[in-house]
Amino acid sequence: VGDADDHDPEFMSQSVYDKLPGSTNSTPRRP
């Protein structure tokens, strides 16, 4: 569950996962 919903804040902020340049905001990514 943690792998699907959370990220280690020590490693990479949420912004890198969900707000990367060129990512599609209308289709949220789920690792």
Full PDB file with SEQRES, HELIX, SHEET, SSBOND, CRYST1, ORIGX, SCALE, CONECT and MASTER records, all heavy atoms in Angstrom:
SEQRES   1 A   31  VAL GLY ASP ALA ASP ASP HIS ASP PRO GLU PHE MET SER          
SEQRES   2 A   31  GLN SER VAL TYR ASP LYS LEU PRO GLY SER THR ASN SER          
SEQRES   3 A   31  THR PRO ARG ARG PRO                                          
HELIX    1 AA1 GLY A    2  ASP A    5  1                                   4    
HELIX    2 AA2 GLN A   14  ASP A   18  1                                   5    
CRYST1    1.000    1.000    1.000  90.00  90.00  90.00 P 1           1          
ORIGX1      1.000000  0.000000  0.000000        0.00000                         
ORIGX2      0.000000  1.000000  0.000000        0.00000                         
ORIGX3      0.000000  0.000000  1.000000        0.00000                         
SCALE1      1.000000  0.000000  0.000000        0.00000                         
SCALE2      0.000000  1.000000  0.000000        0.00000                         
SCALE3      0.000000  0.000000  1.000000        0.00000                         
ATOM      1  N   VAL A   1       0.834  -1.194   0.000  1.00  0.00           N  
ATOM      2  CA  VAL A   1       0.000   0.000   0.000  1.00  0.00           C  
ATOM      3  C   VAL A   1       0.863   1.236   0.000  1.00  0.00           C  
ATOM      4  O   VAL A   1       0.623   2.203  -0.722  1.00  0.00           O  
ATOM      5  CB  VAL A   1      -0.956  -0.002   1.220  1.00  0.00           C  
ATOM      6  CG1 VAL A   1      -1.682   1.330   1.307  1.00  0.00           C  
ATOM      7  CG2 VAL A   1      -1.967  -1.133   1.105  1.00  0.00           C  
ATOM      8  N   GLY A   2       1.932   1.213   0.810  1.00  0.00           N  
ATOM      9  CA  GLY A   2       2.817   2.360   0.881  1.00  0.00           C  
ATOM     10  C   GLY A   2       3.486   2.626  -0.454  1.00  0.00           C  
ATOM     11  O   GLY A   2       3.654   3.769  -0.863  1.00  0.00           O  
ATOM     12  N   ASP A   3       3.844   1.542  -1.168  1.00  0.00           N  
ATOM     13  CA  ASP A   3       4.493   1.742  -2.453  1.00  0.00           C  
ATOM     14  C   ASP A   3       3.558   2.384  -3.454  1.00  0.00           C  
ATOM     15  O   ASP A   3       3.966   3.117  -4.342  1.00  0.00           O  
ATOM     16  CB  ASP A   3       4.977   0.395  -3.028  1.00  0.00           C  
ATOM     17  CG  ASP A   3       6.173  -0.123  -2.276  1.00  0.00           C  
ATOM     18  OD1 ASP A   3       6.930   0.717  -1.761  1.00  0.00           O  
ATOM     19  OD2 ASP A   3       6.331  -1.346  -2.208  1.00  0.00           O  
ATOM     20  N   ALA A   4       2.265   2.110  -3.327  1.00  0.00           N  
ATOM     21  CA  ALA A   4       1.317   2.648  -4.274  1.00  0.00           C  
ATOM     22  C   ALA A   4       0.927   4.076  -3.965  1.00  0.00           C  
ATOM     23  O   ALA A   4       0.640   4.865  -4.853  1.00  0.00           O  
ATOM     24  CB  ALA A   4       0.059   1.769  -4.314  1.00  0.00           C  
ATOM     25  N   ASP A   5       0.921   4.430  -2.677  1.00  0.00           N  
ATOM     26  CA  ASP A   5       0.355   5.722  -2.306  1.00  0.00           C  
ATOM     27  C   ASP A   5       1.340   6.716  -1.739  1.00  0.00           C  
ATOM     28  O   ASP A   5       1.059   7.904  -1.656  1.00  0.00           O  
ATOM     29  CB  ASP A   5      -0.766   5.491  -1.269  1.00  0.00           C  
ATOM     30  CG  ASP A   5      -1.889   4.655  -1.838  1.00  0.00           C  
ATOM     31  OD1 ASP A   5      -2.139   4.741  -3.051  1.00  0.00           O  
ATOM     32  OD2 ASP A   5      -2.498   3.915  -1.055  1.00  0.00           O  
ATOM     33  N   ASP A   6       2.507   6.251  -1.286  1.00  0.00           N  
ATOM     34  CA  ASP A   6       3.441   7.146  -0.602  1.00  0.00           C  
ATOM     35  C   ASP A   6       4.796   7.113  -1.271  1.00  0.00           C  
ATOM     36  O   ASP A   6       5.142   6.184  -1.983  1.00  0.00           O  
ATOM     37  CB  ASP A   6       3.604   6.727   0.873  1.00  0.00           C  
ATOM     38  CG  ASP A   6       2.281   6.779   1.607  1.00  0.00           C  
ATOM     39  OD1 ASP A   6       1.570   7.785   1.428  1.00  0.00           O  
ATOM     40  OD2 ASP A   6       1.983   5.823   2.342  1.00  0.00           O  
ATOM     41  N   HIS A   7       5.586   8.153  -0.995  1.00  0.00           N  
ATOM     42  CA  HIS A   7       6.966   8.214  -1.439  1.00  0.00           C  
ATOM     43  C   HIS A   7       7.818   8.652  -0.275  1.00  0.00           C  
ATOM     44  O   HIS A   7       7.383   9.396   0.582  1.00  0.00           O  
ATOM     45  CB  HIS A   7       7.123   9.190  -2.606  1.00  0.00           C  
ATOM     46  CG  HIS A   7       6.243   8.865  -3.772  1.00  0.00           C  
ATOM     47  ND1 HIS A   7       6.474   7.791  -4.595  1.00  0.00           N  
ATOM     48  CD2 HIS A   7       5.119   9.470  -4.239  1.00  0.00           C  
ATOM     49  CE1 HIS A   7       5.537   7.749  -5.522  1.00  0.00           C  
ATOM     50  NE2 HIS A   7       4.718   8.757  -5.324  1.00  0.00           N  
ATOM     51  N   ASP A   8       9.035   8.208  -0.266  1.00  0.00           N  
ATOM     52  CA  ASP A   8       9.954   8.575   0.804  1.00  0.00           C  
ATOM     53  C   ASP A   8      10.329  10.038   0.673  1.00  0.00           C  
ATOM     54  O   ASP A   8      10.979  10.439  -0.285  1.00  0.00           O  
ATOM     55  CB  ASP A   8      11.217   7.707   0.679  1.00  0.00           C  
ATOM     56  CG  ASP A   8      12.193   7.971   1.793  1.00  0.00           C  
ATOM     57  OD1 ASP A   8      11.910   8.844   2.629  1.00  0.00           O  
ATOM     58  OD2 ASP A   8      13.236   7.295   1.806  1.00  0.00           O  
ATOM     59  N   PRO A   9       9.927  10.873   1.620  1.00  0.00           N  
ATOM     60  CA  PRO A   9      10.236  12.295   1.509  1.00  0.00           C  
ATOM     61  C   PRO A   9      11.725  12.572   1.552  1.00  0.00           C  
ATOM     62  O   PRO A   9      12.184  13.613   1.111  1.00  0.00           O  
ATOM     63  CB  PRO A   9       9.520  12.903   2.727  1.00  0.00           C  
ATOM     64  CG  PRO A   9       9.400  11.781   3.711  1.00  0.00           C  
ATOM     65  CD  PRO A   9       9.217  10.550   2.871  1.00  0.00           C  
ATOM     66  N   GLU A  10      12.509  11.615   2.092  1.00  0.00           N  
ATOM     67  CA  GLU A  10      13.943  11.813   2.131  1.00  0.00           C  
ATOM     68  C   GLU A  10      14.542  11.695   0.740  1.00  0.00           C  
ATOM     69  O   GLU A  10      15.640  12.165   0.482  1.00  0.00           O  
ATOM     70  CB  GLU A  10      14.579  10.755   3.055  1.00  0.00           C  
ATOM     71  CG  GLU A  10      14.249  10.929   4.519  1.00  0.00           C  
ATOM     72  CD  GLU A  10      14.990  12.097   5.112  1.00  0.00           C  
ATOM     73  OE1 GLU A  10      16.108  12.385   4.651  1.00  0.00           O  
ATOM     74  OE2 GLU A  10      14.457  12.718   6.034  1.00  0.00           O  
ATOM     75  N   PHE A  11      13.831  11.012  -0.165  1.00  0.00           N  
ATOM     76  CA  PHE A  11      14.416  10.737  -1.468  1.00  0.00           C  
ATOM     77  C   PHE A  11      13.961  11.722  -2.536  1.00  0.00           C  
ATOM     78  O   PHE A  11      14.731  12.456  -3.093  1.00  0.00           O  
ATOM     79  CB  PHE A  11      14.067   9.311  -1.902  1.00  0.00           C  
ATOM     80  CG  PHE A  11      14.261   9.096  -3.358  1.00  0.00           C  
ATOM     81  CD1 PHE A  11      15.530   9.224  -3.909  1.00  0.00           C  
ATOM     82  CD2 PHE A  11      13.200   8.800  -4.177  1.00  0.00           C  
ATOM     83  CE1 PHE A  11      15.720   9.039  -5.256  1.00  0.00           C  
ATOM     84  CE2 PHE A  11      13.393   8.621  -5.519  1.00  0.00           C  
ATOM     85  CZ  PHE A  11      14.645   8.736  -6.062  1.00  0.00           C  
ATOM     86  N   MET A  12      12.692  11.764  -2.838  1.00  0.00           N  
ATOM     87  CA  MET A  12      12.226  12.579  -3.942  1.00  0.00           C  
ATOM     88  C   MET A  12      10.865  13.146  -3.600  1.00  0.00           C  
ATOM     89  O   MET A  12       9.962  12.428  -3.198  1.00  0.00           O  
ATOM     90  CB  MET A  12      12.136  11.714  -5.205  1.00  0.00           C  
ATOM     91  CG  MET A  12      11.922  12.485  -6.474  1.00  0.00           C  
ATOM     92  SD  MET A  12      13.405  13.337  -7.032  1.00  0.00           S  
ATOM     93  CE  MET A  12      14.272  11.995  -7.818  1.00  0.00           C  
ATOM     94  N   SER A  13      10.699  14.442  -3.717  1.00  0.00           N  
ATOM     95  CA  SER A  13       9.449  15.081  -3.321  1.00  0.00           C  
ATOM     96  C   SER A  13       8.311  14.669  -4.241  1.00  0.00           C  
ATOM     97  O   SER A  13       8.513  14.235  -5.371  1.00  0.00           O  
ATOM     98  CB  SER A  13       9.596  16.599  -3.347  1.00  0.00           C  
ATOM     99  OG  SER A  13       9.698  17.059  -4.667  1.00  0.00           O  
ATOM    100  N   GLN A  14       7.089  14.842  -3.758  1.00  0.00           N  
ATOM    101  CA  GLN A  14       5.910  14.488  -4.532  1.00  0.00           C  
ATOM    102  C   GLN A  14       5.881  15.248  -5.857  1.00  0.00           C  
ATOM    103  O   GLN A  14       5.397  14.750  -6.857  1.00  0.00           O  
ATOM    104  CB  GLN A  14       4.648  14.819  -3.716  1.00  0.00           C  
ATOM    105  CG  GLN A  14       3.358  14.273  -4.320  1.00  0.00           C  
ATOM    106  CD  GLN A  14       3.238  12.778  -4.148  1.00  0.00           C  
ATOM    107  OE1 GLN A  14       3.923  12.208  -3.298  1.00  0.00           O  
ATOM    108  NE2 GLN A  14       2.418  12.133  -4.949  1.00  0.00           N  
ATOM    109  N   SER A  15       6.414  16.467  -5.845  1.00  0.00           N  
ATOM    110  CA  SER A  15       6.360  17.292  -7.044  1.00  0.00           C  
ATOM    111  C   SER A  15       7.100  16.641  -8.207  1.00  0.00           C  
ATOM    112  O   SER A  15       6.715  16.803  -9.358  1.00  0.00           O  
ATOM    113  CB  SER A  15       6.948  18.677  -6.761  1.00  0.00           C  
ATOM    114  OG  SER A  15       8.296  18.551  -6.354  1.00  0.00           O  
ATOM    115  N   VAL A  16       8.167  15.900  -7.916  1.00  0.00           N  
ATOM    116  CA  VAL A  16       8.921  15.268  -8.986  1.00  0.00           C  
ATOM    117  C   VAL A  16       8.121  14.144  -9.615  1.00  0.00           C  
ATOM    118  O   VAL A  16       8.193  13.894 -10.806  1.00  0.00           O  
ATOM    119  CB  VAL A  16      10.273  14.745  -8.452  1.00  0.00           C  
ATOM    120  CG1 VAL A  16      11.012  13.974  -9.520  1.00  0.00           C  
ATOM    121  CG2 VAL A  16      11.105  15.913  -7.974  1.00  0.00           C  
ATOM    122  N   TYR A  17       7.333  13.478  -8.826  1.00  0.00           N  
ATOM    123  CA  TYR A  17       6.529  12.381  -9.354  1.00  0.00           C  
ATOM    124  C   TYR A  17       5.325  12.880 -10.148  1.00  0.00           C  
ATOM    125  O   TYR A  17       4.976  12.332 -11.180  1.00  0.00           O  
ATOM    126  CB  TYR A  17       6.032  11.485  -8.215  1.00  0.00           C  
ATOM    127  CG  TYR A  17       7.084  10.568  -7.659  1.00  0.00           C  
ATOM    128  CD1 TYR A  17       7.812  10.929  -6.537  1.00  0.00           C  
ATOM    129  CD2 TYR A  17       7.361   9.347  -8.252  1.00  0.00           C  
ATOM    130  CE1 TYR A  17       8.780  10.096  -6.025  1.00  0.00           C  
ATOM    131  CE2 TYR A  17       8.329   8.508  -7.746  1.00  0.00           C  
ATOM    132  CZ  TYR A  17       9.035   8.883  -6.638  1.00  0.00           C  
ATOM    133  OH  TYR A  17       9.995   8.054  -6.145  1.00  0.00           O  
ATOM    134  N   ASP A  18       4.676  13.917  -9.652  1.00  0.00           N  
ATOM    135  CA  ASP A  18       3.400  14.314 -10.235  1.00  0.00           C  
ATOM    136  C   ASP A  18       3.439  15.592 -11.056  1.00  0.00           C  
ATOM    137  O   ASP A  18       2.475  15.917 -11.733  1.00  0.00           O  
ATOM    138  CB  ASP A  18       2.366  14.499  -9.111  1.00  0.00           C  
ATOM    139  CG  ASP A  18       2.100  13.191  -8.379  1.00  0.00           C  
ATOM    140  OD1 ASP A  18       2.322  12.130  -9.002  1.00  0.00           O  
ATOM    141  OD2 ASP A  18       1.699  13.237  -7.211  1.00  0.00           O  
ATOM    142  N   LYS A  19       4.537  16.343 -10.975  1.00  0.00           N  
ATOM    143  CA  LYS A  19       4.581  17.622 -11.684  1.00  0.00           C  
ATOM    144  C   LYS A  19       5.812  17.738 -12.571  1.00  0.00           C  
ATOM    145  O   LYS A  19       6.344  18.824 -12.752  1.00  0.00           O  
ATOM    146  CB  LYS A  19       4.571  18.778 -10.672  1.00  0.00           C  
ATOM    147  CG  LYS A  19       3.317  18.815  -9.801  1.00  0.00           C  
ATOM    148  CD  LYS A  19       3.370  19.967  -8.813  1.00  0.00           C  
ATOM    149  CE  LYS A  19       2.149  19.994  -7.919  1.00  0.00           C  
ATOM    150  NZ  LYS A  19       2.208  21.103  -6.929  1.00  0.00           N  
ATOM    151  N   LEU A  20       6.258  16.617 -13.097  1.00  0.00           N  
ATOM    152  CA  LEU A  20       7.414  16.663 -13.964  1.00  0.00           C  
ATOM    153  C   LEU A  20       7.070  17.374 -15.261  1.00  0.00           C  
ATOM    154  O   LEU A  20       5.957  17.250 -15.760  1.00  0.00           O  
ATOM    155  CB  LEU A  20       7.889  15.240 -14.281  1.00  0.00           C  
ATOM    156  CG  LEU A  20       8.510  14.501 -13.103  1.00  0.00           C  
ATOM    157  CD1 LEU A  20       8.689  13.041 -13.451  1.00  0.00           C  
ATOM    158  CD2 LEU A  20       9.838  15.111 -12.730  1.00  0.00           C  
ATOM    159  N   PRO A  21       7.999  18.135 -15.835  1.00  0.00           N  
ATOM    160  CA  PRO A  21       7.733  18.795 -17.114  1.00  0.00           C  
ATOM    161  C   PRO A  21       7.310  17.797 -18.166  1.00  0.00           C  
ATOM    162  O   PRO A  21       7.934  16.751 -18.343  1.00  0.00           O  
ATOM    163  CB  PRO A  21       9.096  19.425 -17.467  1.00  0.00           C  
ATOM    164  CG  PRO A  21       9.774  19.598 -16.153  1.00  0.00           C  
ATOM    165  CD  PRO A  21       9.324  18.451 -15.303  1.00  0.00           C  
ATOM    166  N   GLY A  22       6.216  18.112 -18.839  1.00  0.00           N  
ATOM    167  CA  GLY A  22       5.731  17.236 -19.887  1.00  0.00           C  
ATOM    168  C   GLY A  22       4.776  16.174 -19.413  1.00  0.00           C  
ATOM    169  O   GLY A  22       4.221  15.431 -20.213  1.00  0.00           O  
ATOM    170  N   SER A  23       4.557  16.050 -18.084  1.00  0.00           N  
ATOM    171  CA  SER A  23       3.606  15.051 -17.594  1.00  0.00           C  
ATOM    172  C   SER A  23       2.191  15.537 -17.827  1.00  0.00           C  
ATOM    173  O   SER A  23       1.915  16.729 -17.900  1.00  0.00           O  
ATOM    174  CB  SER A  23       3.832  14.777 -16.111  1.00  0.00           C  
ATOM    175  OG  SER A  23       3.615  15.945 -15.364  1.00  0.00           O  
ATOM    176  N   THR A  24       1.267  14.626 -17.959  1.00  0.00           N  
ATOM    177  CA  THR A  24      -0.128  14.964 -18.233  1.00  0.00           C  
ATOM    178  C   THR A  24      -0.880  15.081 -16.926  1.00  0.00           C  
ATOM    179  O   THR A  24      -1.080  14.108 -16.215  1.00  0.00           O  
ATOM    180  CB  THR A  24      -0.777  13.876 -19.111  1.00  0.00           C  
ATOM    181  OG1 THR A  24       0.015  13.726 -20.285  1.00  0.00           O  
ATOM    182  CG2 THR A  24      -2.183  14.267 -19.495  1.00  0.00           C  
ATOM    183  N   ASN A  25      -1.319  16.294 -16.617  1.00  0.00           N  
ATOM    184  CA  ASN A  25      -1.990  16.526 -15.347  1.00  0.00           C  
ATOM    185  C   ASN A  25      -3.360  15.887 -15.291  1.00  0.00           C  
ATOM    186  O   ASN A  25      -3.884  15.614 -14.236  1.00  0.00           O  
ATOM    187  CB  ASN A  25      -2.122  18.036 -15.101  1.00  0.00           C  
ATOM    188  CG  ASN A  25      -0.767  18.692 -14.920  1.00  0.00           C  
ATOM    189  OD1 ASN A  25       0.155  18.065 -14.416  1.00  0.00           O  
ATOM    190  ND2 ASN A  25      -0.638  19.936 -15.350  1.00  0.00           N  
ATOM    191  N   SER A  26      -3.961  15.665 -16.473  1.00  0.00           N  
ATOM    192  CA  SER A  26      -5.316  15.106 -16.471  1.00  0.00           C  
ATOM    193  C   SER A  26      -5.338  13.631 -16.138  1.00  0.00           C  
ATOM    194  O   SER A  26      -6.378  13.069 -15.826  1.00  0.00           O  
ATOM    195  CB  SER A  26      -5.956  15.308 -17.855  1.00  0.00           C  
ATOM    196  OG  SER A  26      -5.165  14.668 -18.854  1.00  0.00           O  
ATOM    197  N   THR A  27      -4.171  12.991 -16.228  1.00  0.00           N  
ATOM    198  CA  THR A  27      -4.086  11.561 -15.916  1.00  0.00           C  
ATOM    199  C   THR A  27      -3.031  11.357 -14.857  1.00  0.00           C  
ATOM    200  O   THR A  27      -1.858  11.127 -15.165  1.00  0.00           O  
ATOM    201  CB  THR A  27      -3.736  10.739 -17.169  1.00  0.00           C  
ATOM    202  OG1 THR A  27      -4.651  11.080 -18.204  1.00  0.00           O  
ATOM    203  CG2 THR A  27      -3.822   9.244 -16.876  1.00  0.00           C  
ATOM    204  N   PRO A  28      -3.399  11.455 -13.581  1.00  0.00           N  
ATOM    205  CA  PRO A  28      -2.408  11.320 -12.510  1.00  0.00           C  
ATOM    206  C   PRO A  28      -1.709   9.978 -12.569  1.00  0.00           C  
ATOM    207  O   PRO A  28      -2.331   8.946 -12.819  1.00  0.00           O  
ATOM    208  CB  PRO A  28      -3.251  11.459 -11.231  1.00  0.00           C  
ATOM    209  CG  PRO A  28      -4.513  12.127 -11.667  1.00  0.00           C  
ATOM    210  CD  PRO A  28      -4.750  11.675 -13.069  1.00  0.00           C  
ATOM    211  N   ARG A  29      -0.394   9.996 -12.365  1.00  0.00           N  
ATOM    212  CA  ARG A  29       0.387   8.769 -12.337  1.00  0.00           C  
ATOM    213  C   ARG A  29       0.275   8.095 -10.998  1.00  0.00           C  
ATOM    214  O   ARG A  29       0.307   8.750  -9.966  1.00  0.00           O  
ATOM    215  CB  ARG A  29       1.857   9.088 -12.592  1.00  0.00           C  
ATOM    216  CG  ARG A  29       2.253   9.080 -14.031  1.00  0.00           C  
ATOM    217  CD  ARG A  29       3.742   9.321 -14.128  1.00  0.00           C  
ATOM    218  NE  ARG A  29       4.464   8.345 -13.360  1.00  0.00           N  
ATOM    219  CZ  ARG A  29       5.493   8.659 -12.595  1.00  0.00           C  
ATOM    220  NH1 ARG A  29       5.888   9.885 -12.465  1.00  0.00           N  
ATOM    221  NH2 ARG A  29       6.130   7.731 -11.931  1.00  0.00           N  
ATOM    222  N   ARG A  30       0.188   6.797 -11.036  1.00  0.00           N  
ATOM    223  CA  ARG A  30       0.259   6.014  -9.805  1.00  0.00           C  
ATOM    224  C   ARG A  30       1.380   5.007  -9.966  1.00  0.00           C  
ATOM    225  O   ARG A  30       1.316   4.130 -10.822  1.00  0.00           O  
ATOM    226  CB  ARG A  30      -1.047   5.285  -9.535  1.00  0.00           C  
ATOM    227  CG  ARG A  30      -2.199   6.212  -9.230  1.00  0.00           C  
ATOM    228  CD  ARG A  30      -3.380   5.426  -8.726  1.00  0.00           C  
ATOM    229  NE  ARG A  30      -3.070   4.770  -7.471  1.00  0.00           N  
ATOM    230  CZ  ARG A  30      -3.859   3.860  -6.904  1.00  0.00           C  
ATOM    231  NH1 ARG A  30      -4.971   3.509  -7.485  1.00  0.00           N  
ATOM    232  NH2 ARG A  30      -3.509   3.308  -5.754  1.00  0.00           N  
ATOM    233  N   PRO A  31       2.436   5.130  -9.180  1.00  0.00           N  
ATOM    234  CA  PRO A  31       3.541   4.172  -9.283  1.00  0.00           C  
ATOM    235  C   PRO A  31       3.048   2.747  -9.091  1.00  0.00           C  
ATOM    236  O   PRO A  31       2.156   2.488  -8.285  1.00  0.00           O  
ATOM    237  CB  PRO A  31       4.478   4.589  -8.143  1.00  0.00           C  
ATOM    238  CG  PRO A  31       4.137   6.019  -7.885  1.00  0.00           C  
ATOM    239  CD  PRO A  31       2.661   6.140  -8.155  1.00  0.00           C  
TER     240      PRO A  31                                                      
MASTER        0    0    0    2    0    0    0    6  239    1    0    3          
END                                                                             
